[in-house]
């Protein structure tokens, strides 16, 4: 009789442990997903900043090259 009770307790305890492990695993996955979303958002923001910076530098390059091109065309 005691063995039967022990076996029932172990089954209940084992199922409980398995459920807890599954819940912990799901929470860890959720945390990883949340961190990945934050990382992705940061990467997208960084890419946008770099794109804007490149456009600004291109504009500055064009401003510097304009007088040079004008001078070259006058000397032809």
PDB file of N, CA and C in Angstrom:
ATOM      1  N   UNK A   1       0.829  -1.193   0.000  1.00  0.00           N
ATOM      2  CA  UNK A   1       0.000   0.000   0.000  1.00  0.00           C
ATOM      3  C   UNK A   1       0.874   1.257   0.000  1.00  0.00           C
ATOM      4  N   UNK A   2       1.934   1.243   0.825  1.00  0.00           N
ATOM      5  CA  UNK A   2       2.839   2.399   0.910  1.00  0.00           C
ATOM      6  C   UNK A   2       3.548   2.622  -0.424  1.00  0.00           C
ATOM      7  N   UNK A   3       3.955   1.538  -1.093  1.00  0.00           N
ATOM      8  CA  UNK A   3       4.617   1.657  -2.392  1.00  0.00           C
ATOM      9  C   UNK A   3       3.699   2.325  -3.412  1.00  0.00           C
ATOM     10  N   UNK A   4       2.424   1.987  -3.378  1.00  0.00           N
ATOM     11  CA  UNK A   4       1.462   2.574  -4.292  1.00  0.00           C
ATOM     12  C   UNK A   4       1.321   4.079  -4.040  1.00  0.00           C
ATOM     13  N   UNK A   5       1.297   4.489  -2.773  1.00  0.00           N
ATOM     14  CA  UNK A   5       1.204   5.902  -2.420  1.00  0.00           C
ATOM     15  C   UNK A   5       2.476   6.640  -2.843  1.00  0.00           C
ATOM     16  N   UNK A   6       3.634   5.999  -2.609  1.00  0.00           N
ATOM     17  CA  UNK A   6       4.899   6.610  -3.015  1.00  0.00           C
ATOM     18  C   UNK A   6       4.952   6.796  -4.524  1.00  0.00           C
ATOM     19  N   UNK A   7       4.496   5.780  -5.250  1.00  0.00           N
ATOM     20  CA  UNK A   7       4.510   5.864  -6.700  1.00  0.00           C
ATOM     21  C   UNK A   7       3.571   6.969  -7.183  1.00  0.00           C
ATOM     22  N   UNK A   8       2.394   7.089  -6.556  1.00  0.00           N
ATOM     23  CA  UNK A   8       1.459   8.143  -6.930  1.00  0.00           C
ATOM     24  C   UNK A   8       2.055   9.512  -6.622  1.00  0.00           C
ATOM     25  N   UNK A   9       2.707   9.663  -5.474  1.00  0.00           N
ATOM     26  CA  UNK A   9       3.346  10.927  -5.103  1.00  0.00           C
ATOM     27  C   UNK A   9       4.446  11.265  -6.100  1.00  0.00           C
ATOM     28  N   UNK A  10       5.252  10.280  -6.474  1.00  0.00           N
ATOM     29  CA  UNK A  10       6.330  10.514  -7.427  1.00  0.00           C
ATOM     30  C   UNK A  10       5.783  10.934  -8.783  1.00  0.00           C
ATOM     31  N   UNK A  11       4.697  10.305  -9.226  1.00  0.00           N
ATOM     32  CA  UNK A  11       4.096  10.684 -10.500  1.00  0.00           C
ATOM     33  C   UNK A  11       3.584  12.112 -10.445  1.00  0.00           C
ATOM     34  N   UNK A  12       2.888  12.472  -9.368  1.00  0.00           N
ATOM     35  CA  UNK A  12       2.381  13.828  -9.240  1.00  0.00           C
ATOM     36  C   UNK A  12       3.529  14.818  -9.155  1.00  0.00           C
ATOM     37  N   UNK A  13       4.530  14.473  -8.375  1.00  0.00           N
ATOM     38  CA  UNK A  13       5.687  15.341  -8.220  1.00  0.00           C
ATOM     39  C   UNK A  13       6.453  15.456  -9.543  1.00  0.00           C
ATOM     40  N   UNK A  14       6.578  14.358 -10.250  1.00  0.00           N
ATOM     41  CA  UNK A  14       7.270  14.363 -11.532  1.00  0.00           C
ATOM     42  C   UNK A  14       6.540  15.203 -12.556  1.00  0.00           C
ATOM     43  N   UNK A  15       5.233  15.083 -12.602  1.00  0.00           N
ATOM     44  CA  UNK A  15       4.431  15.880 -13.530  1.00  0.00           C
ATOM     45  C   UNK A  15       4.524  17.356 -13.175  1.00  0.00           C
ATOM     46  N   UNK A  16       4.501  17.636 -11.874  1.00  0.00           N
ATOM     47  CA  UNK A  16       4.607  19.018 -11.418  1.00  0.00           C
ATOM     48  C   UNK A  16       5.961  19.592 -11.820  1.00  0.00           C
ATOM     49  N   UNK A  17       7.024  18.823 -11.621  1.00  0.00           N
ATOM     50  CA  UNK A  17       8.364  19.280 -11.992  1.00  0.00           C
ATOM     51  C   UNK A  17       8.469  19.516 -13.490  1.00  0.00           C
ATOM     52  N   UNK A  18       7.887  18.621 -14.262  1.00  0.00           N
ATOM     53  CA  UNK A  18       7.931  18.765 -15.718  1.00  0.00           C
ATOM     54  C   UNK A  18       7.174  20.021 -16.161  1.00  0.00           C
ATOM     55  N   UNK A  19       6.026  20.276 -15.545  1.00  0.00           N
ATOM     56  CA  UNK A  19       5.274  21.479 -15.879  1.00  0.00           C
ATOM     57  C   UNK A  19       6.064  22.727 -15.509  1.00  0.00           C
ATOM     58  N   UNK A  20       6.692  22.709 -14.349  1.00  0.00           N
ATOM     59  CA  UNK A  20       7.494  23.855 -13.914  1.00  0.00           C
ATOM     60  C   UNK A  20       8.676  24.068 -14.857  1.00  0.00           C
ATOM     61  N   UNK A  21       9.326  22.986 -15.255  1.00  0.00           N
ATOM     62  CA  UNK A  21      10.446  23.096 -16.194  1.00  0.00           C
ATOM     63  C   UNK A  21       9.981  23.672 -17.521  1.00  0.00           C
ATOM     64  N   UNK A  22       8.826  23.240 -17.988  1.00  0.00           N
ATOM     65  CA  UNK A  22       8.276  23.764 -19.240  1.00  0.00           C
ATOM     66  C   UNK A  22       7.965  25.254 -19.124  1.00  0.00           C
ATOM     67  N   UNK A  23       7.388  25.649 -17.984  1.00  0.00           N
ATOM     68  CA  UNK A  23       7.077  27.060 -17.781  1.00  0.00           C
ATOM     69  C   UNK A  23       8.347  27.899 -17.720  1.00  0.00           C
ATOM     70  N   UNK A  24       9.357  27.400 -17.037  1.00  0.00           N
ATOM     71  CA  UNK A  24      10.643  28.105 -16.960  1.00  0.00           C
ATOM     72  C   UNK A  24      11.250  28.229 -18.352  1.00  0.00           C
ATOM     73  N   UNK A  25      11.206  27.145 -19.115  1.00  0.00           N
ATOM     74  CA  UNK A  25      11.739  27.151 -20.473  1.00  0.00           C
ATOM     75  C   UNK A  25      11.017  28.185 -21.337  1.00  0.00           C
ATOM     76  N   UNK A  26       9.686  28.224 -21.222  1.00  0.00           N
ATOM     77  CA  UNK A  26       8.906  29.189 -21.999  1.00  0.00           C
ATOM     78  C   UNK A  26       9.222  30.623 -21.582  1.00  0.00           C
ATOM     79  N   UNK A  27       9.410  30.855 -20.299  1.00  0.00           N
ATOM     80  CA  UNK A  27       9.775  32.192 -19.831  1.00  0.00           C
ATOM     81  C   UNK A  27      11.137  32.608 -20.370  1.00  0.00           C
ATOM     82  N   UNK A  28      12.084  31.672 -20.365  1.00  0.00           N
ATOM     83  CA  UNK A  28      13.414  31.964 -20.905  1.00  0.00           C
ATOM     84  C   UNK A  28      13.334  32.281 -22.390  1.00  0.00           C
ATOM     85  N   UNK A  29      12.534  31.532 -23.124  1.00  0.00           N
ATOM     86  CA  UNK A  29      12.349  31.808 -24.549  1.00  0.00           C
ATOM     87  C   UNK A  29      11.730  33.182 -24.771  1.00  0.00           C
ATOM     88  N   UNK A  30      10.754  33.528 -23.933  1.00  0.00           N
ATOM     89  CA  UNK A  30      10.103  34.834 -24.048  1.00  0.00           C
ATOM     90  C   UNK A  30      11.110  35.952 -23.784  1.00  0.00           C
ATOM     91  N   UNK A  31      11.969  35.764 -22.794  1.00  0.00           N
ATOM     92  CA  UNK A  31      12.988  36.764 -22.483  1.00  0.00           C
ATOM     93  C   UNK A  31      13.976  36.913 -23.643  1.00  0.00           C
ATOM     94  N   UNK A  32      14.369  35.786 -24.220  1.00  0.00           N
ATOM     95  CA  UNK A  32      15.281  35.835 -25.366  1.00  0.00           C
ATOM     96  C   UNK A  32      14.634  36.541 -26.555  1.00  0.00           C
ATOM     97  N   UNK A  33      13.373  36.236 -26.794  1.00  0.00           N
ATOM     98  CA  UNK A  33      12.644  36.871 -27.898  1.00  0.00           C
ATOM     99  C   UNK A  33      12.541  38.376 -27.680  1.00  0.00           C
ATOM    100  N   UNK A  34      12.233  38.769 -26.453  1.00  0.00           N
ATOM    101  CA  UNK A  34      12.142  40.191 -26.132  1.00  0.00           C
ATOM    102  C   UNK A  34      13.484  40.879 -26.349  1.00  0.00           C
ATOM    103  N   UNK A  35      14.570  40.240 -25.914  1.00  0.00           N
ATOM    104  CA  UNK A  35      15.905  40.820 -26.100  1.00  0.00           C
ATOM    105  C   UNK A  35      16.259  40.900 -27.584  1.00  0.00           C
ATOM    106  N   UNK A  36      15.896  39.877 -28.339  1.00  0.00           N
ATOM    107  CA  UNK A  36      16.170  39.889 -29.774  1.00  0.00           C
ATOM    108  C   UNK A  36      15.410  41.017 -30.464  1.00  0.00           C
ATOM    109  N   UNK A  37      14.179  41.263 -30.037  1.00  0.00           N
ATOM    110  CA  UNK A  37      13.398  42.366 -30.614  1.00  0.00           C
ATOM    111  C   UNK A  37      14.038  43.708 -30.294  1.00  0.00           C
ATOM    112  N   UNK A  38      14.520  43.861 -29.050  1.00  0.00           N
ATOM    113  CA  UNK A  38      15.205  45.104 -28.678  1.00  0.00           C
ATOM    114  C   UNK A  38      16.476  45.281 -29.496  1.00  0.00           C
ATOM    115  N   UNK A  39      17.230  44.188 -29.650  1.00  0.00           N
ATOM    116  CA  UNK A  39      18.467  44.251 -30.430  1.00  0.00           C
ATOM    117  C   UNK A  39      18.182  44.606 -31.883  1.00  0.00           C
ATOM    118  N   UNK A  40      17.129  44.026 -32.436  1.00  0.00           N
ATOM    119  CA  UNK A  40      16.753  44.299 -33.823  1.00  0.00           C
ATOM    120  C   UNK A  40      16.352  45.764 -33.998  1.00  0.00           C
ATOM    121  N   UNK A  41      15.573  46.266 -33.040  1.00  0.00           N
ATOM    122  CA  UNK A  41      15.143  47.660 -33.098  1.00  0.00           C
ATOM    123  C   UNK A  41      16.351  48.588 -33.036  1.00  0.00           C
ATOM    124  N   UNK A  42      17.301  48.283 -32.166  1.00  0.00           N
ATOM    125  CA  UNK A  42      18.515  49.092 -32.037  1.00  0.00           C
ATOM    126  C   UNK A  42      19.320  49.031 -33.338  1.00  0.00           C
ATOM    127  N   UNK A  43      19.437  47.857 -33.923  1.00  0.00           N
ATOM    128  CA  UNK A  43      20.172  47.711 -35.181  1.00  0.00           C
ATOM    129  C   UNK A  43      19.498  48.510 -36.298  1.00  0.00           C
ATOM    130  N   UNK A  44      18.179  48.480 -36.348  1.00  0.00           N
ATOM    131  CA  UNK A  44      17.451  49.267 -37.348  1.00  0.00           C
ATOM    132  C   UNK A  44      17.677  50.769 -37.151  1.00  0.00           C
ATOM    133  N   UNK A  45      17.668  51.202 -35.896  1.00  0.00           N
ATOM    134  CA  UNK A  45      17.922  52.618 -35.605  1.00  0.00           C
ATOM    135  C   UNK A  45      19.345  53.008 -35.996  1.00  0.00           C
ATOM    136  N   UNK A  46      20.296  52.126 -35.687  1.00  0.00           N
ATOM    137  CA  UNK A  46      21.684  52.398 -36.046  1.00  0.00           C
ATOM    138  C   UNK A  46      21.857  52.483 -37.563  1.00  0.00           C
ATOM    139  N   UNK A  47      21.186  51.585 -38.281  1.00  0.00           N
ATOM    140  CA  UNK A  47      21.263  51.599 -39.744  1.00  0.00           C
ATOM    141  C   UNK A  47      20.692  52.897 -40.303  1.00  0.00           C
ATOM    142  N   UNK A  48      19.593  53.362 -39.734  1.00  0.00           N
ATOM    143  CA  UNK A  48      18.991  54.616 -40.177  1.00  0.00           C
ATOM    144  C   UNK A  48      19.918  55.801 -39.903  1.00  0.00           C
ATOM    145  N   UNK A  49      20.542  55.807 -38.729  1.00  0.00           N
ATOM    146  CA  UNK A  49      21.497  56.874 -38.407  1.00  0.00           C
ATOM    147  C   UNK A  49      22.679  56.877 -39.380  1.00  0.00           C
ATOM    148  N   UNK A  50      23.183  55.699 -39.697  1.00  0.00           N
ATOM    149  CA  UNK A  50      24.297  55.608 -40.646  1.00  0.00           C
ATOM    150  C   UNK A  50      23.883  56.078 -42.041  1.00  0.00           C
ATOM    151  N   UNK A  51      22.683  55.707 -42.447  1.00  0.00           N
ATOM    152  CA  UNK A  51      22.186  56.144 -43.750  1.00  0.00           C
ATOM    153  C   UNK A  51      22.089  57.663 -43.803  1.00  0.00           C
ATOM    154  N   UNK A  52      21.540  58.264 -42.755  1.00  0.00           N
ATOM    155  CA  UNK A  52      21.428  59.721 -42.700  1.00  0.00           C
ATOM    156  C   UNK A  52      22.806  60.381 -42.691  1.00  0.00           C
ATOM    157  N   UNK A  53      23.726  59.802 -41.960  1.00  0.00           N
ATOM    158  CA  UNK A  53      25.089  60.355 -41.897  1.00  0.00           C
ATOM    159  C   UNK A  53      25.751  60.295 -43.274  1.00  0.00           C
ATOM    160  N   UNK A  54      25.584  59.184 -43.972  1.00  0.00           N
ATOM    161  CA  UNK A  54      26.152  59.064 -45.317  1.00  0.00           C
ATOM    162  C   UNK A  54      25.556  60.103 -46.258  1.00  0.00           C
ATOM    163  N   UNK A  55      24.257  60.331 -46.149  1.00  0.00           N
ATOM    164  CA  UNK A  55      23.613  61.349 -46.990  1.00  0.00           C
ATOM    165  C   UNK A  55      24.159  62.741 -46.687  1.00  0.00           C
ATOM    166  N   UNK A  56      24.369  63.043 -45.406  1.00  0.00           N
ATOM    167  CA  UNK A  56      24.945  64.331 -45.039  1.00  0.00           C
ATOM    168  C   UNK A  56      26.371  64.486 -45.585  1.00  0.00           C
ATOM    169  N   UNK A  57      27.156  63.424 -45.461  1.00  0.00           N
ATOM    170  CA  UNK A  57      28.528  63.471 -45.977  1.00  0.00           C
ATOM    171  C   UNK A  57      28.551  63.620 -47.497  1.00  0.00           C
ATOM    172  N   UNK A  58      27.621  62.957 -48.166  1.00  0.00           N
ATOM    173  CA  UNK A  58      27.521  63.089 -49.625  1.00  0.00           C
ATOM    174  C   UNK A  58      27.195  64.539 -49.992  1.00  0.00           C
ATOM    175  N   UNK A  59      26.297  65.163 -49.241  1.00  0.00           N
ATOM    176  CA  UNK A  59      25.965  66.569 -49.483  1.00  0.00           C
ATOM    177  C   UNK A  59      27.167  67.477 -49.271  1.00  0.00           C
ATOM    178  N   UNK A  60      27.936  67.220 -48.231  1.00  0.00           N
ATOM    179  CA  UNK A  60      29.135  68.007 -47.967  1.00  0.00           C
ATOM    180  C   UNK A  60      30.167  67.813 -49.083  1.00  0.00           C
ATOM    181  N   UNK A  61      30.284  66.576 -49.547  1.00  0.00           N
ATOM    182  CA  UNK A  61      31.215  66.293 -50.643  1.00  0.00           C
ATOM    183  C   UNK A  61      30.809  67.074 -51.899  1.00  0.00           C
ATOM    184  N   UNK A  62      29.521  67.076 -52.184  1.00  0.00           N
ATOM    185  CA  UNK A  62      29.029  67.813 -53.355  1.00  0.00           C
ATOM    186  C   UNK A  62      29.319  69.312 -53.227  1.00  0.00           C
ATOM    187  N   UNK A  63      29.167  69.875 -52.027  1.00  0.00           N
ATOM    188  CA  UNK A  63      29.449  71.293 -51.806  1.00  0.00           C
ATOM    189  C   UNK A  63      30.928  71.607 -52.047  1.00  0.00           C
ATOM    190  N   UNK A  64      31.788  70.704 -51.608  1.00  0.00           N
ATOM    191  CA  UNK A  64      33.233  70.918 -51.777  1.00  0.00           C
ATOM    192  C   UNK A  64      33.623  70.755 -53.244  1.00  0.00           C
ATOM    193  N   UNK A  65      33.025  69.797 -53.926  1.00  0.00           N
ATOM    194  CA  UNK A  65      33.397  69.515 -55.313  1.00  0.00           C
ATOM    195  C   UNK A  65      32.853  70.554 -56.299  1.00  0.00           C
ATOM    196  N   UNK A  66      31.796  71.250 -55.963  1.00  0.00           N
ATOM    197  CA  UNK A  66      31.194  72.219 -56.879  1.00  0.00           C
ATOM    198  C   UNK A  66      32.175  73.329 -57.281  1.00  0.00           C
ATOM    199  N   UNK A  67      32.843  73.971 -56.339  1.00  0.00           N
ATOM    200  CA  UNK A  67      33.798  75.012 -56.756  1.00  0.00           C
ATOM    201  C   UNK A  67      34.964  74.436 -57.563  1.00  0.00           C
ATOM    202  N   UNK A  68      35.364  73.234 -57.236  1.00  0.00           N
ATOM    203  CA  UNK A  68      36.465  72.601 -57.977  1.00  0.00           C
ATOM    204  C   UNK A  68      36.031  72.341 -59.423  1.00  0.00           C
ATOM    205  N   UNK A  69      34.839  71.800 -59.604  1.00  0.00           N
ATOM    206  CA  UNK A  69      34.335  71.539 -60.951  1.00  0.00           C
ATOM    207  C   UNK A  69      34.161  72.847 -61.724  1.00  0.00           C
ATOM    208  N   UNK A  70      33.687  73.879 -61.043  1.00  0.00           N
ATOM    209  CA  UNK A  70      33.516  75.190 -61.700  1.00  0.00           C
ATOM    210  C   UNK A  70      34.851  75.729 -62.156  1.00  0.00           C
ATOM    211  N   UNK A  71      35.855  75.618 -61.327  1.00  0.00           N
ATOM    212  CA  UNK A  71      37.198  76.103 -61.677  1.00  0.00           C
ATOM    213  C   UNK A  71      37.770  75.303 -62.843  1.00  0.00           C
ATOM    214  N   UNK A  72      37.575  74.017 -62.853  1.00  0.00           N
ATOM    215  CA  UNK A  72      38.072  73.176 -63.939  1.00  0.00           C
ATOM    216  C   UNK A  72      37.394  73.556 -65.245  1.00  0.00           C
ATOM    217  N   UNK A  73      36.069  73.780 -65.198  1.00  0.00           N
ATOM    218  CA  UNK A  73      35.330  74.142 -66.412  1.00  0.00           C
ATOM    219  C   UNK A  73      35.749  75.515 -66.936  1.00  0.00           C
ATOM    220  N   UNK A  74      36.102  76.450 -66.055  1.00  0.00           N
ATOM    221  CA  UNK A  74      36.552  77.773 -66.501  1.00  0.00           C
ATOM    222  C   UNK A  74      37.896  77.714 -67.177  1.00  0.00           C
ATOM    223  N   UNK A  75      38.748  76.810 -66.752  1.00  0.00           N
ATOM    224  CA  UNK A  75      40.097  76.687 -67.288  1.00  0.00           C
ATOM    225  C   UNK A  75      40.152  75.895 -68.587  1.00  0.00           C
ATOM    226  N   UNK A  76      39.056  75.345 -69.024  1.00  0.00           N
ATOM    227  CA  UNK A  76      39.073  74.549 -70.261  1.00  0.00           C
ATOM    228  C   UNK A  76      39.075  75.437 -71.474  1.00  0.00           C
TER     229      UNK A  76
END
